[in-house]
Structures are given as structure tokens and as C-alpha cells.
């Protein structure tokens, strides 16, 4: 997957969780939760969905990487590059 595809995967998962949110103006470098209505359970659902779809196990210590889209992409890109 390319970086853009990884970004789209995250946005697709978020859109499934909060379908009424406008994700078109998401800033990759700002905290996701500051930009849209996501609670802590939604955040965990993102992690669980990545596990379900791509067999990615994200240790709790790595959760801070998922605060921003940029962090998500940096974390996931090496793992998903060959998919």
C-alpha cells in the first residue's frame, strides 16, 4: 500500500464509525479527536478494525502513534507496504 492508500484505510474506518462527520478537511498533523467527534471507544474500534482487516496487532504502548493521521500513516506504512 502507498502512503495515500494507508491514509484512506484510516479514513474509511473512521467514516464507518462516525458516518455523519465531514472528513474532507482533516488535517493530518492535528489530533484526530480534536477535529471530529471520536470518543475513546471509537479510538479502540479503529485499532480493532485494523486488527480484523489486516491482522495488525497494535500494542497499547503504541497507541500514541494514532493520535494524528500523520502518526497513523508513519506507524502503518511499513507494515502495510506489501499489501
PDB file of N, CA and C in Angstrom:
ATOM      1  N   UNK A   1       0.831  -1.190   0.000  1.00  0.00           N
ATOM      2  CA  UNK A   1       0.000   0.000   0.000  1.00  0.00           C
ATOM      3  C   UNK A   1       0.871   1.248   0.000  1.00  0.00           C
ATOM      4  N   UNK A   2       0.405   2.234  -0.708  1.00  0.00           N
ATOM      5  CA  UNK A   2       1.086   3.519  -0.688  1.00  0.00           C
ATOM      6  C   UNK A   2       0.671   4.292   0.556  1.00  0.00           C
ATOM      7  N   UNK A   3       1.370   5.360   0.819  1.00  0.00           N
ATOM      8  CA  UNK A   3       1.025   6.221   1.957  1.00  0.00           C
ATOM      9  C   UNK A   3      -0.405   6.757   1.814  1.00  0.00           C
ATOM     10  N   UNK A   4      -0.769   7.151   0.614  1.00  0.00           N
ATOM     11  CA  UNK A   4      -2.123   7.660   0.370  1.00  0.00           C
ATOM     12  C   UNK A   4      -3.170   6.575   0.621  1.00  0.00           C
ATOM     13  N   UNK A   5      -2.862   5.350   0.249  1.00  0.00           N
ATOM     14  CA  UNK A   5      -3.795   4.244   0.490  1.00  0.00           C
ATOM     15  C   UNK A   5      -3.924   3.950   1.977  1.00  0.00           C
ATOM     16  N   UNK A   6      -2.826   4.025   2.703  1.00  0.00           N
ATOM     17  CA  UNK A   6      -2.872   3.833   4.155  1.00  0.00           C
ATOM     18  C   UNK A   6      -3.751   4.915   4.780  1.00  0.00           C
ATOM     19  N   UNK A   7      -3.565   6.146   4.340  1.00  0.00           N
ATOM     20  CA  UNK A   7      -4.391   7.259   4.843  1.00  0.00           C
ATOM     21  C   UNK A   7      -5.866   6.977   4.585  1.00  0.00           C
ATOM     22  N   UNK A   8      -6.174   6.500   3.375  1.00  0.00           N
ATOM     23  CA  UNK A   8      -7.565   6.231   3.024  1.00  0.00           C
ATOM     24  C   UNK A   8      -8.141   5.097   3.854  1.00  0.00           C
ATOM     25  N   UNK A   9      -7.343   4.097   4.166  1.00  0.00           N
ATOM     26  CA  UNK A   9      -7.805   2.997   5.028  1.00  0.00           C
ATOM     27  C   UNK A   9      -8.263   3.550   6.377  1.00  0.00           C
ATOM     28  N   UNK A  10      -7.440   4.411   6.964  1.00  0.00           N
ATOM     29  CA  UNK A  10      -7.798   5.003   8.267  1.00  0.00           C
ATOM     30  C   UNK A  10      -9.066   5.833   8.137  1.00  0.00           C
ATOM     31  N   UNK A  11      -9.151   6.655   7.108  1.00  0.00           N
ATOM     32  CA  UNK A  11     -10.341   7.491   6.917  1.00  0.00           C
ATOM     33  C   UNK A  11     -11.586   6.637   6.683  1.00  0.00           C
ATOM     34  N   UNK A  12     -11.447   5.549   5.955  1.00  0.00           N
ATOM     35  CA  UNK A  12     -12.590   4.657   5.723  1.00  0.00           C
ATOM     36  C   UNK A  12     -13.087   4.048   7.030  1.00  0.00           C
ATOM     37  N   UNK A  13     -12.165   3.640   7.870  1.00  0.00           N
ATOM     38  CA  UNK A  13     -12.549   3.076   9.173  1.00  0.00           C
ATOM     39  C   UNK A  13     -13.241   4.141  10.016  1.00  0.00           C
ATOM     40  N   UNK A  14     -12.681   5.335  10.049  1.00  0.00           N
ATOM     41  CA  UNK A  14     -13.294   6.421  10.828  1.00  0.00           C
ATOM     42  C   UNK A  14     -14.680   6.734  10.287  1.00  0.00           C
ATOM     43  N   UNK A  15     -14.823   6.766   8.970  1.00  0.00           N
ATOM     44  CA  UNK A  15     -16.115   7.070   8.371  1.00  0.00           C
ATOM     45  C   UNK A  15     -17.173   6.037   8.751  1.00  0.00           C
ATOM     46  N   UNK A  16     -16.773   4.772   8.855  1.00  0.00           N
ATOM     47  CA  UNK A  16     -17.702   3.736   9.292  1.00  0.00           C
ATOM     48  C   UNK A  16     -18.139   3.960  10.738  1.00  0.00           C
ATOM     49  N   UNK A  17     -17.227   4.454  11.562  1.00  0.00           N
ATOM     50  CA  UNK A  17     -17.530   4.668  12.977  1.00  0.00           C
ATOM     51  C   UNK A  17     -18.384   5.899  13.207  1.00  0.00           C
ATOM     52  N   UNK A  18     -18.085   6.960  12.470  1.00  0.00           N
ATOM     53  CA  UNK A  18     -18.813   8.224  12.630  1.00  0.00           C
ATOM     54  C   UNK A  18     -19.239   8.738  11.251  1.00  0.00           C
ATOM     55  N   UNK A  19     -20.267   8.110  10.667  1.00  0.00           N
ATOM     56  CA  UNK A  19     -20.646   8.415   9.286  1.00  0.00           C
ATOM     57  C   UNK A  19     -21.134   9.846   9.049  1.00  0.00           C
ATOM     58  N   UNK A  20     -21.540  10.538  10.075  1.00  0.00           N
ATOM     59  CA  UNK A  20     -22.059  11.895   9.903  1.00  0.00           C
ATOM     60  C   UNK A  20     -20.966  12.965   9.907  1.00  0.00           C
ATOM     61  N   UNK A  21     -19.737  12.574  10.189  1.00  0.00           N
ATOM     62  CA  UNK A  21     -18.632  13.536  10.238  1.00  0.00           C
ATOM     63  C   UNK A  21     -18.107  13.841   8.837  1.00  0.00           C
ATOM     64  N   UNK A  22     -17.731  15.094   8.619  1.00  0.00           N
ATOM     65  CA  UNK A  22     -17.104  15.507   7.363  1.00  0.00           C
ATOM     66  C   UNK A  22     -15.596  15.332   7.512  1.00  0.00           C
ATOM     67  N   UNK A  23     -15.046  14.379   6.808  1.00  0.00           N
ATOM     68  CA  UNK A  23     -13.624  14.070   6.928  1.00  0.00           C
ATOM     69  C   UNK A  23     -12.780  14.759   5.854  1.00  0.00           C
ATOM     70  N   UNK A  24     -13.413  15.547   5.016  1.00  0.00           N
ATOM     71  CA  UNK A  24     -12.707  16.149   3.886  1.00  0.00           C
ATOM     72  C   UNK A  24     -11.664  17.185   4.304  1.00  0.00           C
ATOM     73  N   UNK A  25     -11.823  17.763   5.467  1.00  0.00           N
ATOM     74  CA  UNK A  25     -10.886  18.815   5.872  1.00  0.00           C
ATOM     75  C   UNK A  25      -9.976  18.383   7.029  1.00  0.00           C
ATOM     76  N   UNK A  26      -9.840  17.096   7.222  1.00  0.00           N
ATOM     77  CA  UNK A  26      -8.978  16.587   8.290  1.00  0.00           C
ATOM     78  C   UNK A  26      -7.535  17.017   8.030  1.00  0.00           C
ATOM     79  N   UNK A  27      -6.920  17.590   9.030  1.00  0.00           N
ATOM     80  CA  UNK A  27      -5.505  17.962   8.969  1.00  0.00           C
ATOM     81  C   UNK A  27      -4.701  16.791   9.512  1.00  0.00           C
ATOM     82  N   UNK A  28      -3.804  16.265   8.698  1.00  0.00           N
ATOM     83  CA  UNK A  28      -3.036  15.072   9.078  1.00  0.00           C
ATOM     84  C   UNK A  28      -2.174  15.278  10.314  1.00  0.00           C
ATOM     85  N   UNK A  29      -1.832  16.514  10.615  1.00  0.00           N
ATOM     86  CA  UNK A  29      -0.917  16.795  11.724  1.00  0.00           C
ATOM     87  C   UNK A  29      -1.622  17.234  13.010  1.00  0.00           C
ATOM     88  N   UNK A  30      -2.919  17.381  12.961  1.00  0.00           N
ATOM     89  CA  UNK A  30      -3.696  17.744  14.149  1.00  0.00           C
ATOM     90  C   UNK A  30      -4.286  16.486  14.778  1.00  0.00           C
ATOM     91  N   UNK A  31      -4.522  16.520  16.063  1.00  0.00           N
ATOM     92  CA  UNK A  31      -5.131  15.378  16.743  1.00  0.00           C
ATOM     93  C   UNK A  31      -6.491  15.087  16.116  1.00  0.00           C
ATOM     94  N   UNK A  32      -6.704  13.838  15.772  1.00  0.00           N
ATOM     95  CA  UNK A  32      -7.953  13.436  15.136  1.00  0.00           C
ATOM     96  C   UNK A  32      -9.135  13.767  16.038  1.00  0.00           C
ATOM     97  N   UNK A  33      -9.001  13.470  17.323  1.00  0.00           N
ATOM     98  CA  UNK A  33     -10.115  13.677  18.264  1.00  0.00           C
ATOM     99  C   UNK A  33     -10.441  15.154  18.476  1.00  0.00           C
ATOM    100  N   UNK A  34      -9.514  16.050  18.141  1.00  0.00           N
ATOM    101  CA  UNK A  34      -9.797  17.484  18.231  1.00  0.00           C
ATOM    102  C   UNK A  34     -10.558  17.986  17.000  1.00  0.00           C
ATOM    103  N   UNK A  35     -10.578  17.182  15.947  1.00  0.00           N
ATOM    104  CA  UNK A  35     -11.185  17.607  14.694  1.00  0.00           C
ATOM    105  C   UNK A  35     -12.574  17.016  14.455  1.00  0.00           C
ATOM    106  N   UNK A  36     -12.799  15.840  14.989  1.00  0.00           N
ATOM    107  CA  UNK A  36     -14.098  15.183  14.811  1.00  0.00           C
ATOM    108  C   UNK A  36     -14.522  14.533  16.127  1.00  0.00           C
ATOM    109  N   UNK A  37     -15.785  14.154  16.179  1.00  0.00           N
ATOM    110  CA  UNK A  37     -16.345  13.533  17.376  1.00  0.00           C
ATOM    111  C   UNK A  37     -15.940  12.066  17.458  1.00  0.00           C
ATOM    112  N   UNK A  38     -14.866  11.792  18.163  1.00  0.00           N
ATOM    113  CA  UNK A  38     -14.438  10.424  18.437  1.00  0.00           C
ATOM    114  C   UNK A  38     -14.226  10.286  19.931  1.00  0.00           C
ATOM    115  N   UNK A  39     -14.785   9.244  20.505  1.00  0.00           N
ATOM    116  CA  UNK A  39     -14.522   9.010  21.926  1.00  0.00           C
ATOM    117  C   UNK A  39     -13.496   7.884  22.054  1.00  0.00           C
ATOM    118  N   UNK A  40     -13.161   7.541  23.266  1.00  0.00           N
ATOM    119  CA  UNK A  40     -12.114   6.540  23.483  1.00  0.00           C
ATOM    120  C   UNK A  40     -12.512   5.170  22.931  1.00  0.00           C
ATOM    121  N   UNK A  41     -13.789   4.851  22.959  1.00  0.00           N
ATOM    122  CA  UNK A  41     -14.238   3.569  22.402  1.00  0.00           C
ATOM    123  C   UNK A  41     -14.092   3.566  20.886  1.00  0.00           C
ATOM    124  N   UNK A  42     -14.389   4.698  20.239  1.00  0.00           N
ATOM    125  CA  UNK A  42     -14.196   4.794  18.789  1.00  0.00           C
ATOM    126  C   UNK A  42     -12.724   4.586  18.444  1.00  0.00           C
ATOM    127  N   UNK A  43     -11.856   5.172  19.251  1.00  0.00           N
ATOM    128  CA  UNK A  43     -10.422   5.018  19.033  1.00  0.00           C
ATOM    129  C   UNK A  43     -10.034   3.542  19.100  1.00  0.00           C
ATOM    130  N   UNK A  44     -10.521   2.850  20.103  1.00  0.00           N
ATOM    131  CA  UNK A  44     -10.228   1.413  20.227  1.00  0.00           C
ATOM    132  C   UNK A  44     -10.829   0.623  19.070  1.00  0.00           C
ATOM    133  N   UNK A  45     -11.980   1.074  18.589  1.00  0.00           N
ATOM    134  CA  UNK A  45     -12.597   0.411  17.438  1.00  0.00           C
ATOM    135  C   UNK A  45     -11.720   0.536  16.191  1.00  0.00           C
ATOM    136  N   UNK A  46     -11.035   1.653  16.034  1.00  0.00           N
ATOM    137  CA  UNK A  46     -10.103   1.813  14.911  1.00  0.00           C
ATOM    138  C   UNK A  46      -9.003   0.766  15.012  1.00  0.00           C
ATOM    139  N   UNK A  47      -8.434   0.633  16.197  1.00  0.00           N
ATOM    140  CA  UNK A  47      -7.366  -0.340  16.421  1.00  0.00           C
ATOM    141  C   UNK A  47      -7.874  -1.763  16.163  1.00  0.00           C
ATOM    142  N   UNK A  48      -9.057  -2.067  16.648  1.00  0.00           N
ATOM    143  CA  UNK A  48      -9.622  -3.407  16.469  1.00  0.00           C
ATOM    144  C   UNK A  48      -9.940  -3.687  15.004  1.00  0.00           C
ATOM    145  N   UNK A  49     -10.394  -2.686  14.291  1.00  0.00           N
ATOM    146  CA  UNK A  49     -10.706  -2.862  12.874  1.00  0.00           C
ATOM    147  C   UNK A  49      -9.428  -3.125  12.066  1.00  0.00           C
ATOM    148  N   UNK A  50      -8.343  -2.450  12.411  1.00  0.00           N
ATOM    149  CA  UNK A  50      -7.064  -2.711  11.755  1.00  0.00           C
ATOM    150  C   UNK A  50      -6.622  -4.157  12.010  1.00  0.00           C
ATOM    151  N   UNK A  51      -6.859  -4.602  13.209  1.00  0.00           N
ATOM    152  CA  UNK A  51      -6.511  -5.981  13.559  1.00  0.00           C
ATOM    153  C   UNK A  51      -7.345  -6.971  12.749  1.00  0.00           C
ATOM    154  N   UNK A  52      -8.630  -6.687  12.652  1.00  0.00           N
ATOM    155  CA  UNK A  52      -9.540  -7.573  11.938  1.00  0.00           C
ATOM    156  C   UNK A  52      -9.244  -7.599  10.433  1.00  0.00           C
ATOM    157  N   UNK A  53      -9.057  -6.431   9.836  1.00  0.00           N
ATOM    158  CA  UNK A  53      -8.863  -6.347   8.385  1.00  0.00           C
ATOM    159  C   UNK A  53      -7.476  -6.761   7.925  1.00  0.00           C
ATOM    160  N   UNK A  54      -6.460  -6.405   8.703  1.00  0.00           N
ATOM    161  CA  UNK A  54      -5.085  -6.565   8.234  1.00  0.00           C
ATOM    162  C   UNK A  54      -4.199  -7.382   9.174  1.00  0.00           C
ATOM    163  N   UNK A  55      -4.783  -7.981  10.189  1.00  0.00           N
ATOM    164  CA  UNK A  55      -4.028  -8.783  11.165  1.00  0.00           C
ATOM    165  C   UNK A  55      -2.889  -7.997  11.797  1.00  0.00           C
ATOM    166  N   UNK A  56      -3.152  -6.727  12.054  1.00  0.00           N
ATOM    167  CA  UNK A  56      -2.161  -5.864  12.694  1.00  0.00           C
ATOM    168  C   UNK A  56      -2.461  -5.811  14.180  1.00  0.00           C
ATOM    169  N   UNK A  57      -1.492  -6.215  14.966  1.00  0.00           N
ATOM    170  CA  UNK A  57      -1.636  -6.151  16.409  1.00  0.00           C
ATOM    171  C   UNK A  57      -0.890  -4.915  16.906  1.00  0.00           C
ATOM    172  N   UNK A  58      -1.627  -3.942  17.410  1.00  0.00           N
ATOM    173  CA  UNK A  58      -1.033  -2.703  17.899  1.00  0.00           C
ATOM    174  C   UNK A  58      -0.949  -2.773  19.420  1.00  0.00           C
ATOM    175  N   UNK A  59       0.254  -2.858  19.958  1.00  0.00           N
ATOM    176  CA  UNK A  59       0.393  -2.879  21.419  1.00  0.00           C
ATOM    177  C   UNK A  59      -0.092  -1.553  22.026  1.00  0.00           C
ATOM    178  N   UNK A  60      -0.606  -1.640  23.210  1.00  0.00           N
ATOM    179  CA  UNK A  60      -1.130  -0.444  23.883  1.00  0.00           C
ATOM    180  C   UNK A  60      -0.085   0.663  23.974  1.00  0.00           C
ATOM    181  N   UNK A  61       1.162   0.306  24.148  1.00  0.00           N
ATOM    182  CA  UNK A  61       2.229   1.306  24.218  1.00  0.00           C
ATOM    183  C   UNK A  61       2.370   2.107  22.927  1.00  0.00           C
ATOM    184  N   UNK A  62       1.858   1.562  21.818  1.00  0.00           N
ATOM    185  CA  UNK A  62       1.954   2.239  20.525  1.00  0.00           C
ATOM    186  C   UNK A  62       0.730   3.090  20.195  1.00  0.00           C
ATOM    187  N   UNK A  63      -0.283   3.079  21.026  1.00  0.00           N
ATOM    188  CA  UNK A  63      -1.492   3.864  20.771  1.00  0.00           C
ATOM    189  C   UNK A  63      -1.207   5.340  20.519  1.00  0.00           C
ATOM    190  N   UNK A  64      -0.231   5.956  21.185  1.00  0.00           N
ATOM    191  CA  UNK A  64       0.029   7.378  20.918  1.00  0.00           C
ATOM    192  C   UNK A  64       0.358   7.686  19.452  1.00  0.00           C
ATOM    193  N   UNK A  65       0.810   6.700  18.703  1.00  0.00           N
ATOM    194  CA  UNK A  65       1.089   6.910  17.275  1.00  0.00           C
ATOM    195  C   UNK A  65      -0.188   7.226  16.499  1.00  0.00           C
ATOM    196  N   UNK A  66      -1.328   6.884  17.060  1.00  0.00           N
ATOM    197  CA  UNK A  66      -2.601   7.019  16.362  1.00  0.00           C
ATOM    198  C   UNK A  66      -3.355   8.301  16.728  1.00  0.00           C
ATOM    199  N   UNK A  67      -2.691   9.224  17.351  1.00  0.00           N
ATOM    200  CA  UNK A  67      -3.324  10.489  17.741  1.00  0.00           C
ATOM    201  C   UNK A  67      -3.616  11.354  16.522  1.00  0.00           C
ATOM    202  N   UNK A  68      -2.715  11.321  15.544  1.00  0.00           N
ATOM    203  CA  UNK A  68      -2.892  12.089  14.311  1.00  0.00           C
ATOM    204  C   UNK A  68      -2.888  11.140  13.118  1.00  0.00           C
ATOM    205  N   UNK A  69      -3.423  11.606  11.996  1.00  0.00           N
ATOM    206  CA  UNK A  69      -3.353  10.794  10.780  1.00  0.00           C
ATOM    207  C   UNK A  69      -1.909  10.602  10.348  1.00  0.00           C
ATOM    208  N   UNK A  70      -1.096  11.631  10.515  1.00  0.00           N
ATOM    209  CA  UNK A  70       0.326  11.535  10.174  1.00  0.00           C
ATOM    210  C   UNK A  70       0.984  10.412  10.981  1.00  0.00           C
ATOM    211  N   UNK A  71       0.687  10.363  12.272  1.00  0.00           N
ATOM    212  CA  UNK A  71       1.226   9.308  13.118  1.00  0.00           C
ATOM    213  C   UNK A  71       0.737   7.933  12.701  1.00  0.00           C
ATOM    214  N   UNK A  72      -0.546   7.849  12.341  1.00  0.00           N
ATOM    215  CA  UNK A  72      -1.105   6.582  11.851  1.00  0.00           C
ATOM    216  C   UNK A  72      -0.355   6.112  10.610  1.00  0.00           C
ATOM    217  N   UNK A  73      -0.167   7.036   9.673  1.00  0.00           N
ATOM    218  CA  UNK A  73       0.500   6.678   8.426  1.00  0.00           C
ATOM    219  C   UNK A  73       1.951   6.255   8.685  1.00  0.00           C
ATOM    220  N   UNK A  74       2.642   7.002   9.531  1.00  0.00           N
ATOM    221  CA  UNK A  74       4.037   6.658   9.850  1.00  0.00           C
ATOM    222  C   UNK A  74       4.137   5.275  10.483  1.00  0.00           C
ATOM    223  N   UNK A  75       3.180   4.944  11.331  1.00  0.00           N
ATOM    224  CA  UNK A  75       3.190   3.663  12.032  1.00  0.00           C
ATOM    225  C   UNK A  75       2.806   2.512  11.093  1.00  0.00           C
ATOM    226  N   UNK A  76       1.773   2.732  10.279  1.00  0.00           N
ATOM    227  CA  UNK A  76       1.214   1.649   9.479  1.00  0.00           C
ATOM    228  C   UNK A  76       1.892   1.434   8.131  1.00  0.00           C
ATOM    229  N   UNK A  77       2.466   2.478   7.574  1.00  0.00           N
ATOM    230  CA  UNK A  77       3.030   2.366   6.231  1.00  0.00           C
ATOM    231  C   UNK A  77       4.044   1.223   6.096  1.00  0.00           C
ATOM    232  N   UNK A  78       5.009   1.074   7.003  1.00  0.00           N
ATOM    233  CA  UNK A  78       5.951  -0.051   6.857  1.00  0.00           C
ATOM    234  C   UNK A  78       5.265  -1.421   6.949  1.00  0.00           C
ATOM    235  N   UNK A  79       4.254  -1.517   7.777  1.00  0.00           N
ATOM    236  CA  UNK A  79       3.560  -2.780   7.967  1.00  0.00           C
ATOM    237  C   UNK A  79       2.696  -3.138   6.756  1.00  0.00           C
ATOM    238  N   UNK A  80       2.070  -2.135   6.145  1.00  0.00           N
ATOM    239  CA  UNK A  80       1.140  -2.377   5.042  1.00  0.00           C
ATOM    240  C   UNK A  80       1.763  -2.209   3.654  1.00  0.00           C
ATOM    241  N   UNK A  81       3.029  -1.904   3.580  1.00  0.00           N
ATOM    242  CA  UNK A  81       3.649  -1.575   2.286  1.00  0.00           C
ATOM    243  C   UNK A  81       3.551  -2.709   1.261  1.00  0.00           C
ATOM    244  N   UNK A  82       3.539  -3.945   1.699  1.00  0.00           N
ATOM    245  CA  UNK A  82       3.497  -5.076   0.767  1.00  0.00           C
ATOM    246  C   UNK A  82       2.102  -5.654   0.588  1.00  0.00           C
ATOM    247  N   UNK A  83       1.111  -4.930   1.022  1.00  0.00           N
ATOM    248  CA  UNK A  83      -0.276  -5.460   0.896  1.00  0.00           C
ATOM    249  C   UNK A  83      -1.025  -4.737  -0.186  1.00  0.00           C
TER     250      UNK A  83
END
